[in-house]
Amino acid sequence: MSVIDNAPPALDIVDETFLAVPPTTVAAAFADPASWPRYWPDLVLEVYTDRGAEGLRWTVRGALVGTMEVWLEPVLDGTLLHYFLRATPVGADGRPLALRPRELRRELDRRARAAKGIALQLKAVLEDGREPGVPPRAR
């Protein structure tokens, strides 16, 4: 039985992380489609809106079916990385999985932690130790 009768369970994940780098720097981390499997190994992404320094919107297939977005908002001396995932877990046959509430919560938690992990990994790499308000080091 699904969480909602006659409807597949759905994930709706929203995350925000501040990075002390310009939006163009964060956008470059997502620009190359070859990098996407590193972030989302079980998903197949197809861009339906490329907004340059403002981010990307994708349709999602694979372990999930739905949409995903990375919105890059300029804030102070950096970027607020907004992440949105709205998708339904599916089986190998592409049909929605009827997850029990506990299973759905586990999948939601797993995906939310993975999203935050991606953001924090980018933060560590792209900021290279820079503190907010402190100019970037000369290279």
N, C-alpha and C. Protein backbone atom coordinates (compact mmCIF):
# COMPACT_ATOMS: atom_id res chain seq x y z
N MET A 1 0.85 -1.19 0.00
CA MET A 1 0.00 0.00 0.00
C MET A 1 0.89 1.24 0.00
N SER A 2 0.55 2.22 -0.79
CA SER A 2 1.34 3.45 -0.85
C SER A 2 0.93 4.39 0.27
N VAL A 3 1.76 5.42 0.48
CA VAL A 3 1.48 6.39 1.51
C VAL A 3 0.16 7.10 1.24
N ILE A 4 -0.07 7.43 0.00
CA ILE A 4 -1.33 8.05 -0.41
C ILE A 4 -2.01 7.08 -1.35
N ASP A 5 -3.22 6.64 -0.98
CA ASP A 5 -3.93 5.67 -1.82
C ASP A 5 -4.02 6.14 -3.26
N ASN A 6 -3.77 5.22 -4.17
CA ASN A 6 -3.85 5.46 -5.61
C ASN A 6 -2.85 6.47 -6.14
N ALA A 7 -1.85 6.81 -5.35
CA ALA A 7 -0.81 7.73 -5.82
C ALA A 7 0.53 7.24 -5.30
N PRO A 8 1.55 7.30 -6.13
CA PRO A 8 2.87 6.87 -5.66
C PRO A 8 3.41 7.84 -4.62
N PRO A 9 4.22 7.34 -3.71
CA PRO A 9 4.85 8.26 -2.75
C PRO A 9 5.80 9.18 -3.50
N ALA A 10 5.92 10.38 -3.03
CA ALA A 10 6.78 11.36 -3.70
C ALA A 10 7.76 11.97 -2.72
N LEU A 11 8.94 12.30 -3.22
CA LEU A 11 9.96 13.00 -2.46
C LEU A 11 9.91 14.47 -2.85
N ASP A 12 9.97 15.34 -1.88
CA ASP A 12 10.02 16.78 -2.13
C ASP A 12 11.10 17.33 -1.21
N ILE A 13 12.28 17.52 -1.76
CA ILE A 13 13.44 17.92 -0.96
C ILE A 13 13.88 19.32 -1.36
N VAL A 14 14.11 20.14 -0.35
CA VAL A 14 14.60 21.50 -0.55
C VAL A 14 15.80 21.68 0.37
N ASP A 15 16.88 22.25 -0.16
CA ASP A 15 18.06 22.49 0.65
C ASP A 15 18.68 23.82 0.21
N GLU A 16 19.33 24.49 1.15
CA GLU A 16 20.04 25.73 0.85
C GLU A 16 21.39 25.72 1.57
N THR A 17 22.42 26.15 0.87
CA THR A 17 23.75 26.24 1.45
C THR A 17 24.44 27.48 0.88
N PHE A 18 25.06 28.27 1.77
CA PHE A 18 25.80 29.45 1.32
C PHE A 18 27.23 29.07 0.98
N LEU A 19 27.69 29.53 -0.19
CA LEU A 19 29.07 29.33 -0.61
C LEU A 19 29.69 30.70 -0.85
N ALA A 20 30.85 30.94 -0.28
CA ALA A 20 31.51 32.24 -0.39
C ALA A 20 32.32 32.33 -1.69
N VAL A 21 31.61 32.11 -2.79
CA VAL A 21 32.17 32.23 -4.14
C VAL A 21 31.07 32.77 -5.05
N PRO A 22 31.42 33.38 -6.19
CA PRO A 22 30.40 33.91 -7.09
C PRO A 22 29.55 32.79 -7.72
N PRO A 23 28.32 33.12 -8.12
CA PRO A 23 27.46 32.13 -8.78
C PRO A 23 28.10 31.48 -10.00
N THR A 24 28.89 32.23 -10.77
CA THR A 24 29.53 31.63 -11.96
C THR A 24 30.47 30.49 -11.58
N THR A 25 31.09 30.59 -10.43
CA THR A 25 32.00 29.53 -9.96
C THR A 25 31.20 28.28 -9.60
N VAL A 26 30.08 28.46 -8.92
CA VAL A 26 29.23 27.32 -8.55
C VAL A 26 28.60 26.73 -9.81
N ALA A 27 28.16 27.58 -10.73
CA ALA A 27 27.54 27.10 -11.97
C ALA A 27 28.50 26.22 -12.76
N ALA A 28 29.77 26.58 -12.75
CA ALA A 28 30.77 25.80 -13.48
C ALA A 28 30.88 24.37 -12.94
N ALA A 29 30.62 24.19 -11.65
CA ALA A 29 30.69 22.85 -11.04
C ALA A 29 29.59 21.94 -11.55
N PHE A 30 28.49 22.52 -12.00
CA PHE A 30 27.36 21.73 -12.51
C PHE A 30 27.25 21.74 -14.03
N ALA A 31 28.05 22.55 -14.71
CA ALA A 31 27.90 22.76 -16.15
C ALA A 31 28.21 21.53 -16.99
N ASP A 32 29.18 20.74 -16.58
CA ASP A 32 29.61 19.59 -17.39
C ASP A 32 28.75 18.37 -17.08
N PRO A 33 27.98 17.89 -18.05
CA PRO A 33 27.16 16.69 -17.82
C PRO A 33 27.96 15.47 -17.36
N ALA A 34 29.23 15.42 -17.68
CA ALA A 34 30.06 14.30 -17.24
C ALA A 34 30.23 14.28 -15.72
N SER A 35 30.01 15.43 -15.05
CA SER A 35 30.14 15.48 -13.58
C SER A 35 28.87 15.00 -12.86
N TRP A 36 27.75 15.00 -13.54
CA TRP A 36 26.48 14.67 -12.87
C TRP A 36 26.45 13.28 -12.26
N PRO A 37 26.98 12.24 -12.93
CA PRO A 37 26.95 10.91 -12.30
C PRO A 37 27.77 10.85 -11.00
N ARG A 38 28.74 11.72 -10.84
CA ARG A 38 29.50 11.77 -9.59
C ARG A 38 28.59 12.26 -8.45
N TYR A 39 27.71 13.21 -8.75
CA TYR A 39 26.80 13.74 -7.73
C TYR A 39 25.57 12.84 -7.54
N TRP A 40 25.04 12.34 -8.65
CA TRP A 40 23.80 11.56 -8.62
C TRP A 40 23.99 10.28 -9.43
N PRO A 41 24.68 9.29 -8.87
CA PRO A 41 25.07 8.10 -9.64
C PRO A 41 23.91 7.23 -10.13
N ASP A 42 22.78 7.28 -9.48
CA ASP A 42 21.66 6.42 -9.89
C ASP A 42 20.59 7.16 -10.67
N LEU A 43 20.92 8.39 -11.11
CA LEU A 43 19.95 9.20 -11.85
C LEU A 43 20.47 9.54 -13.24
N VAL A 44 19.52 9.65 -14.17
CA VAL A 44 19.82 10.10 -15.53
C VAL A 44 19.14 11.47 -15.67
N LEU A 45 19.94 12.48 -15.96
CA LEU A 45 19.44 13.85 -16.01
C LEU A 45 19.41 14.38 -17.42
N GLU A 46 18.38 15.17 -17.69
CA GLU A 46 18.28 15.86 -18.98
C GLU A 46 17.88 17.30 -18.70
N VAL A 47 18.71 18.23 -19.14
CA VAL A 47 18.46 19.65 -18.90
C VAL A 47 17.22 20.09 -19.67
N TYR A 48 16.30 20.75 -18.96
CA TYR A 48 15.19 21.37 -19.68
C TYR A 48 15.23 22.90 -19.56
N THR A 49 16.07 23.41 -18.64
CA THR A 49 16.31 24.85 -18.59
C THR A 49 17.73 25.09 -18.10
N ASP A 50 18.55 25.70 -18.94
CA ASP A 50 19.90 26.09 -18.55
C ASP A 50 19.86 27.60 -18.35
N ARG A 51 20.04 28.03 -17.11
CA ARG A 51 19.95 29.45 -16.79
C ARG A 51 21.32 30.06 -16.52
N GLY A 52 22.37 29.39 -17.03
CA GLY A 52 23.73 29.92 -16.89
C GLY A 52 24.13 30.06 -15.43
N ALA A 53 24.52 31.28 -15.04
CA ALA A 53 24.97 31.54 -13.68
C ALA A 53 23.85 31.43 -12.65
N GLU A 54 22.62 31.28 -13.12
CA GLU A 54 21.50 31.12 -12.19
C GLU A 54 21.15 29.66 -11.95
N GLY A 55 21.79 28.73 -12.66
CA GLY A 55 21.57 27.32 -12.38
C GLY A 55 20.95 26.53 -13.50
N LEU A 56 20.54 25.31 -13.15
CA LEU A 56 19.98 24.35 -14.12
C LEU A 56 18.71 23.72 -13.57
N ARG A 57 17.87 23.30 -14.51
CA ARG A 57 16.69 22.48 -14.19
C ARG A 57 16.77 21.23 -15.05
N TRP A 58 16.50 20.08 -14.41
CA TRP A 58 16.58 18.80 -15.11
C TRP A 58 15.31 17.99 -14.96
N THR A 59 15.05 17.14 -15.94
CA THR A 59 14.12 16.03 -15.73
C THR A 59 14.98 14.88 -15.23
N VAL A 60 14.39 14.03 -14.40
CA VAL A 60 15.12 12.97 -13.73
C VAL A 60 14.50 11.63 -14.11
N ARG A 61 15.38 10.67 -14.45
CA ARG A 61 14.98 9.27 -14.67
C ARG A 61 15.98 8.39 -13.94
N GLY A 62 15.71 7.12 -13.92
CA GLY A 62 16.59 6.18 -13.24
C GLY A 62 15.89 5.66 -11.99
N ALA A 63 16.53 5.79 -10.84
CA ALA A 63 15.94 5.34 -9.58
C ALA A 63 14.76 6.21 -9.16
N LEU A 64 14.71 7.42 -9.71
CA LEU A 64 13.62 8.36 -9.44
C LEU A 64 13.10 8.89 -10.77
N VAL A 65 11.86 9.33 -10.76
CA VAL A 65 11.29 10.02 -11.92
C VAL A 65 10.69 11.33 -11.41
N GLY A 66 11.11 12.44 -12.04
CA GLY A 66 10.59 13.73 -11.61
C GLY A 66 11.45 14.86 -12.16
N THR A 67 11.64 15.88 -11.32
CA THR A 67 12.43 17.05 -11.70
C THR A 67 13.40 17.41 -10.58
N MET A 68 14.46 18.10 -10.98
CA MET A 68 15.46 18.56 -10.03
C MET A 68 15.94 19.92 -10.50
N GLU A 69 16.32 20.76 -9.54
CA GLU A 69 16.80 22.09 -9.88
C GLU A 69 17.92 22.51 -8.94
N VAL A 70 18.90 23.19 -9.50
CA VAL A 70 19.92 23.91 -8.75
C VAL A 70 19.75 25.37 -9.14
N TRP A 71 19.34 26.19 -8.16
CA TRP A 71 19.16 27.62 -8.39
C TRP A 71 20.26 28.34 -7.62
N LEU A 72 21.00 29.19 -8.30
CA LEU A 72 22.12 29.90 -7.71
C LEU A 72 21.77 31.37 -7.56
N GLU A 73 21.62 31.78 -6.30
CA GLU A 73 21.19 33.14 -6.00
C GLU A 73 22.37 33.94 -5.46
N PRO A 74 22.72 35.07 -6.11
CA PRO A 74 23.79 35.91 -5.57
C PRO A 74 23.35 36.52 -4.24
N VAL A 75 24.15 36.32 -3.21
CA VAL A 75 23.86 36.88 -1.89
C VAL A 75 25.17 37.39 -1.30
N LEU A 76 25.17 38.66 -0.88
CA LEU A 76 26.36 39.29 -0.31
C LEU A 76 27.58 39.02 -1.18
N ASP A 77 28.62 38.39 -0.63
CA ASP A 77 29.84 38.14 -1.42
C ASP A 77 29.92 36.70 -1.90
N GLY A 78 28.77 36.06 -2.05
CA GLY A 78 28.78 34.66 -2.46
C GLY A 78 27.50 34.23 -3.14
N THR A 79 27.17 32.97 -2.94
CA THR A 79 26.04 32.35 -3.63
C THR A 79 25.23 31.51 -2.65
N LEU A 80 23.94 31.67 -2.70
CA LEU A 80 23.06 30.76 -1.96
C LEU A 80 22.64 29.68 -2.95
N LEU A 81 23.12 28.46 -2.70
CA LEU A 81 22.82 27.31 -3.55
C LEU A 81 21.52 26.70 -3.07
N HIS A 82 20.48 26.84 -3.89
CA HIS A 82 19.18 26.24 -3.60
C HIS A 82 19.09 24.94 -4.39
N TYR A 83 18.67 23.87 -3.73
CA TYR A 83 18.52 22.57 -4.37
C TYR A 83 17.09 22.10 -4.17
N PHE A 84 16.46 21.67 -5.25
CA PHE A 84 15.09 21.16 -5.20
C PHE A 84 15.03 19.81 -5.92
N LEU A 85 14.43 18.84 -5.29
CA LEU A 85 14.19 17.54 -5.92
C LEU A 85 12.74 17.17 -5.66
N ARG A 86 12.01 16.97 -6.74
CA ARG A 86 10.61 16.53 -6.66
C ARG A 86 10.49 15.31 -7.55
N ALA A 87 10.45 14.13 -6.90
CA ALA A 87 10.51 12.90 -7.69
C ALA A 87 9.85 11.75 -6.95
N THR A 88 9.62 10.69 -7.71
CA THR A 88 9.02 9.48 -7.18
C THR A 88 9.98 8.31 -7.37
N PRO A 89 10.22 7.55 -6.31
CA PRO A 89 11.05 6.35 -6.47
C PRO A 89 10.35 5.35 -7.40
N VAL A 90 11.14 4.75 -8.28
CA VAL A 90 10.59 3.76 -9.21
C VAL A 90 11.45 2.50 -9.19
N GLY A 91 10.84 1.41 -9.62
CA GLY A 91 11.56 0.15 -9.72
C GLY A 91 12.29 0.05 -11.04
N ALA A 92 12.93 -1.11 -11.25
CA ALA A 92 13.69 -1.34 -12.48
C ALA A 92 12.80 -1.26 -13.71
N ASP A 93 11.51 -1.53 -13.54
CA ASP A 93 10.56 -1.48 -14.65
C ASP A 93 10.04 -0.06 -14.91
N GLY A 94 10.50 0.91 -14.10
CA GLY A 94 10.06 2.30 -14.28
C GLY A 94 8.73 2.62 -13.64
N ARG A 95 8.13 1.64 -12.98
CA ARG A 95 6.83 1.88 -12.32
C ARG A 95 7.07 2.38 -10.90
N PRO A 96 6.21 3.27 -10.42
CA PRO A 96 6.36 3.81 -9.06
C PRO A 96 6.38 2.69 -8.02
N LEU A 97 7.26 2.85 -7.05
CA LEU A 97 7.34 1.90 -5.94
C LEU A 97 6.31 2.28 -4.88
N ALA A 98 5.66 1.29 -4.34
CA ALA A 98 4.71 1.52 -3.24
C ALA A 98 5.47 1.33 -1.93
N LEU A 99 6.14 2.39 -1.51
CA LEU A 99 6.94 2.33 -0.30
C LEU A 99 6.08 2.52 0.95
N ARG A 100 6.43 1.82 2.00
CA ARG A 100 5.78 2.02 3.29
C ARG A 100 6.25 3.36 3.84
N PRO A 101 5.50 3.96 4.75
CA PRO A 101 5.92 5.27 5.30
C PRO A 101 7.35 5.27 5.84
N ARG A 102 7.76 4.23 6.53
CA ARG A 102 9.12 4.17 7.07
C ARG A 102 10.15 4.13 5.95
N GLU A 103 9.88 3.37 4.90
CA GLU A 103 10.79 3.28 3.76
C GLU A 103 10.90 4.62 3.04
N LEU A 104 9.76 5.28 2.91
CA LEU A 104 9.75 6.59 2.25
C LEU A 104 10.54 7.61 3.07
N ARG A 105 10.36 7.60 4.39
CA ARG A 105 11.13 8.51 5.25
C ARG A 105 12.63 8.23 5.14
N ARG A 106 13.00 6.96 5.07
CA ARG A 106 14.40 6.57 4.94
C ARG A 106 14.98 7.09 3.62
N GLU A 107 14.21 6.93 2.53
CA GLU A 107 14.67 7.40 1.22
C GLU A 107 14.75 8.93 1.20
N LEU A 108 13.78 9.58 1.79
CA LEU A 108 13.79 11.04 1.88
C LEU A 108 15.02 11.52 2.65
N ASP A 109 15.31 10.89 3.77
CA ASP A 109 16.47 11.26 4.58
C ASP A 109 17.76 11.00 3.81
N ARG A 110 17.85 9.87 3.15
CA ARG A 110 19.05 9.52 2.37
C ARG A 110 19.31 10.55 1.28
N ARG A 111 18.27 10.91 0.54
CA ARG A 111 18.42 11.88 -0.55
C ARG A 111 18.73 13.27 -0.02
N ALA A 112 18.12 13.66 1.10
CA ALA A 112 18.38 14.99 1.68
C ALA A 112 19.82 15.07 2.17
N ARG A 113 20.30 14.00 2.81
CA ARG A 113 21.70 13.99 3.28
C ARG A 113 22.68 14.01 2.10
N ALA A 114 22.35 13.32 1.05
CA ALA A 114 23.21 13.32 -0.14
C ALA A 114 23.27 14.72 -0.75
N ALA A 115 22.13 15.42 -0.81
CA ALA A 115 22.10 16.77 -1.35
C ALA A 115 22.97 17.71 -0.52
N LYS A 116 22.85 17.61 0.80
CA LYS A 116 23.67 18.47 1.67
C LYS A 116 25.15 18.09 1.52
N GLY A 117 25.43 16.82 1.36
CA GLY A 117 26.81 16.38 1.17
C GLY A 117 27.43 16.97 -0.08
N ILE A 118 26.66 17.01 -1.16
CA ILE A 118 27.15 17.61 -2.41
C ILE A 118 27.47 19.08 -2.18
N ALA A 119 26.54 19.79 -1.54
CA ALA A 119 26.73 21.22 -1.30
C ALA A 119 27.94 21.49 -0.41
N LEU A 120 28.10 20.71 0.65
CA LEU A 120 29.23 20.92 1.55
C LEU A 120 30.56 20.55 0.90
N GLN A 121 30.54 19.53 0.05
CA GLN A 121 31.76 19.16 -0.69
C GLN A 121 32.16 20.30 -1.63
N LEU A 122 31.18 20.85 -2.36
CA LEU A 122 31.48 21.99 -3.25
C LEU A 122 31.96 23.19 -2.44
N LYS A 123 31.34 23.44 -1.30
CA LYS A 123 31.74 24.54 -0.43
C LYS A 123 33.21 24.41 -0.05
N ALA A 124 33.61 23.24 0.39
CA ALA A 124 34.99 23.02 0.81
C ALA A 124 35.97 23.21 -0.34
N VAL A 125 35.62 22.66 -1.50
CA VAL A 125 36.53 22.73 -2.65
C VAL A 125 36.56 24.13 -3.25
N LEU A 126 35.40 24.72 -3.50
CA LEU A 126 35.35 26.00 -4.20
C LEU A 126 35.80 27.17 -3.33
N GLU A 127 35.47 27.15 -2.03
CA GLU A 127 35.88 28.24 -1.15
C GLU A 127 37.37 28.18 -0.84
N ASP A 128 37.93 27.00 -0.84
CA ASP A 128 39.36 26.81 -0.58
C ASP A 128 39.79 27.52 0.70
N GLY A 129 38.97 27.41 1.76
CA GLY A 129 39.28 28.01 3.05
C GLY A 129 38.86 29.46 3.22
N ARG A 130 38.29 30.06 2.20
CA ARG A 130 37.88 31.47 2.28
C ARG A 130 36.70 31.64 3.23
N GLU A 131 36.78 32.62 4.09
CA GLU A 131 35.70 32.98 4.99
C GLU A 131 34.81 34.03 4.32
N PRO A 132 33.49 34.02 4.59
CA PRO A 132 32.61 35.08 4.07
C PRO A 132 33.14 36.46 4.50
N GLY A 133 33.13 37.41 3.58
CA GLY A 133 33.57 38.78 3.86
C GLY A 133 35.06 38.99 3.68
N VAL A 134 35.82 37.90 3.55
CA VAL A 134 37.27 37.99 3.36
C VAL A 134 37.55 37.83 1.87
N PRO A 135 38.32 38.74 1.28
CA PRO A 135 38.59 38.60 -0.15
C PRO A 135 39.28 37.28 -0.47
N PRO A 136 39.03 36.74 -1.67
CA PRO A 136 39.71 35.50 -2.05
C PRO A 136 41.21 35.72 -2.11
N ARG A 137 41.93 34.62 -1.84
CA ARG A 137 43.40 34.69 -1.92
C ARG A 137 43.85 34.89 -3.35
N ALA A 138 44.93 35.64 -3.50
CA ALA A 138 45.52 35.79 -4.83
C ALA A 138 46.17 34.46 -5.21
N ARG A 139 46.03 34.08 -6.44
CA ARG A 139 46.58 32.78 -6.91
C ARG A 139 47.83 33.01 -7.69
